[in-house]
């Protein structure tokens, strides 16, 4: 009979807690990366290194395929140098990066 060791217990605990995260917690965890992605693009598009970004809305989208990651969709406003633009940024959960939604067309 196999003993239930601490590393196994920790692994099970992590898996259990990961499944209990609320949509709001998931979105909050990706928000900083989404803001940075929109801000970098906005600073380039507006030719304004001092531009600032703010989240206008956010939602958690379902996976594109069975077993795929949920995705955060953020609408972020970037303003500076008397200009402003709005960007939609997609962040796949657990993938470690975000990208502008217009790079994929209208995939939802």
Protein backbone atom coordinates (compact mmCIF):
# COMPACT_ATOMS: atom_id res chain seq x y z
CA UNK A 1 0.00 0.00 0.00
CA UNK A 2 1.32 3.44 -0.97
CA UNK A 3 1.62 6.11 1.69
CA UNK A 4 0.09 9.53 1.13
CA UNK A 5 3.15 11.75 1.43
CA UNK A 6 3.30 15.49 1.97
CA UNK A 7 4.23 16.41 -1.64
CA UNK A 8 1.21 14.46 -2.88
CA UNK A 9 -1.03 16.14 -0.32
CA UNK A 10 0.26 19.57 -1.35
CA UNK A 11 -0.38 18.76 -5.01
CA UNK A 12 -3.96 17.70 -4.30
CA UNK A 13 -4.53 20.84 -2.22
CA UNK A 14 -3.26 23.07 -5.02
CA UNK A 15 -5.51 21.35 -7.55
CA UNK A 16 -8.49 21.70 -5.25
CA UNK A 17 -7.87 25.38 -4.62
CA UNK A 18 -7.31 26.08 -8.31
CA UNK A 19 -10.77 24.76 -9.10
CA UNK A 20 -12.33 27.00 -6.45
CA UNK A 21 -11.13 30.35 -7.77
CA UNK A 22 -13.98 32.69 -8.61
CA UNK A 23 -14.19 34.33 -12.04
CA UNK A 24 -13.35 37.67 -10.38
CA UNK A 25 -10.20 36.20 -8.80
CA UNK A 26 -9.12 34.75 -12.14
CA UNK A 27 -9.65 38.10 -13.87
CA UNK A 28 -7.78 40.00 -11.15
CA UNK A 29 -4.84 37.65 -11.53
CA UNK A 30 -4.46 38.49 -15.23
CA UNK A 31 -5.37 42.18 -15.07
CA UNK A 32 -1.84 43.56 -14.67
CA UNK A 33 -0.58 41.69 -17.72
CA UNK A 34 -3.59 42.87 -19.75
CA UNK A 35 -2.99 46.49 -18.75
CA UNK A 36 0.71 46.27 -19.65
CA UNK A 37 -0.13 44.78 -23.04
CA UNK A 38 -2.64 47.53 -23.88
CA UNK A 39 -0.39 50.25 -22.51
CA UNK A 40 2.60 49.18 -24.62
CA UNK A 41 0.48 49.16 -27.76
CA UNK A 42 -1.21 52.44 -26.86
CA UNK A 43 2.07 54.22 -26.18
CA UNK A 44 3.28 53.11 -29.61
CA UNK A 45 0.04 53.91 -31.48
CA UNK A 46 -0.36 57.32 -29.83
CA UNK A 47 3.38 58.05 -30.01
CA UNK A 48 3.07 59.00 -26.37
CA UNK A 49 5.46 57.34 -23.89
CA UNK A 50 3.64 58.98 -20.97
CA UNK A 51 0.23 57.49 -21.81
CA UNK A 52 -1.79 55.88 -19.00
CA UNK A 53 -4.15 52.87 -19.12
CA UNK A 54 -7.30 51.96 -17.21
CA UNK A 55 -9.60 48.94 -17.32
CA UNK A 56 -13.04 49.82 -18.69
CA UNK A 57 -14.55 46.33 -18.51
CA UNK A 58 -13.58 42.70 -18.06
CA UNK A 59 -15.23 39.33 -18.54
CA UNK A 60 -14.27 35.68 -18.36
CA UNK A 61 -14.82 33.88 -21.66
CA UNK A 62 -15.32 30.14 -22.01
CA UNK A 63 -12.63 27.95 -23.62
CA UNK A 64 -12.57 27.73 -27.40
CA UNK A 65 -12.38 23.93 -27.18
CA UNK A 66 -12.91 21.23 -24.57
CA UNK A 67 -10.12 21.31 -22.04
CA UNK A 68 -8.80 24.64 -23.29
CA UNK A 69 -8.09 27.56 -20.98
CA UNK A 70 -10.69 30.11 -19.97
CA UNK A 71 -9.80 33.54 -21.28
CA UNK A 72 -10.08 36.98 -19.78
CA UNK A 73 -11.33 39.67 -22.14
CA UNK A 74 -10.42 43.18 -21.04
CA UNK A 75 -11.46 46.47 -22.60
CA UNK A 76 -8.74 48.95 -21.70
CA UNK A 77 -8.59 52.66 -22.42
CA UNK A 78 -5.23 54.27 -23.06
CA UNK A 79 -4.91 58.05 -23.03
CA UNK A 80 -2.12 60.58 -23.27
CA UNK A 81 -0.80 63.47 -25.34
CA UNK A 82 -4.39 64.70 -25.90
CA UNK A 83 -5.38 61.41 -27.55
CA UNK A 84 -7.08 58.19 -26.49
CA UNK A 85 -7.72 54.71 -27.83
CA UNK A 86 -9.54 51.63 -26.64
CA UNK A 87 -8.12 48.12 -26.87
CA UNK A 88 -9.59 44.69 -26.30
CA UNK A 89 -7.01 42.36 -24.78
CA UNK A 90 -7.34 38.57 -24.41
CA UNK A 91 -5.46 36.69 -21.69
CA UNK A 92 -5.66 32.87 -21.71
CA UNK A 93 -5.61 31.59 -18.13
CA UNK A 94 -2.31 29.99 -17.18
CA UNK A 95 -0.65 30.83 -20.49
CA UNK A 96 1.44 33.69 -19.11
CA UNK A 97 0.73 36.28 -21.79
CA UNK A 98 -1.92 38.51 -23.29
CA UNK A 99 -2.51 39.82 -26.78
CA UNK A 100 -4.78 42.29 -28.59
CA UNK A 101 -8.04 40.73 -29.73
CA UNK A 102 -7.74 42.28 -33.19
CA UNK A 103 -4.80 40.00 -33.95
CA UNK A 104 -7.25 37.06 -34.08
CA UNK A 105 -10.13 38.67 -35.93
CA UNK A 106 -13.41 38.14 -34.10
CA UNK A 107 -12.78 34.79 -32.38
CA UNK A 108 -14.77 34.52 -29.16
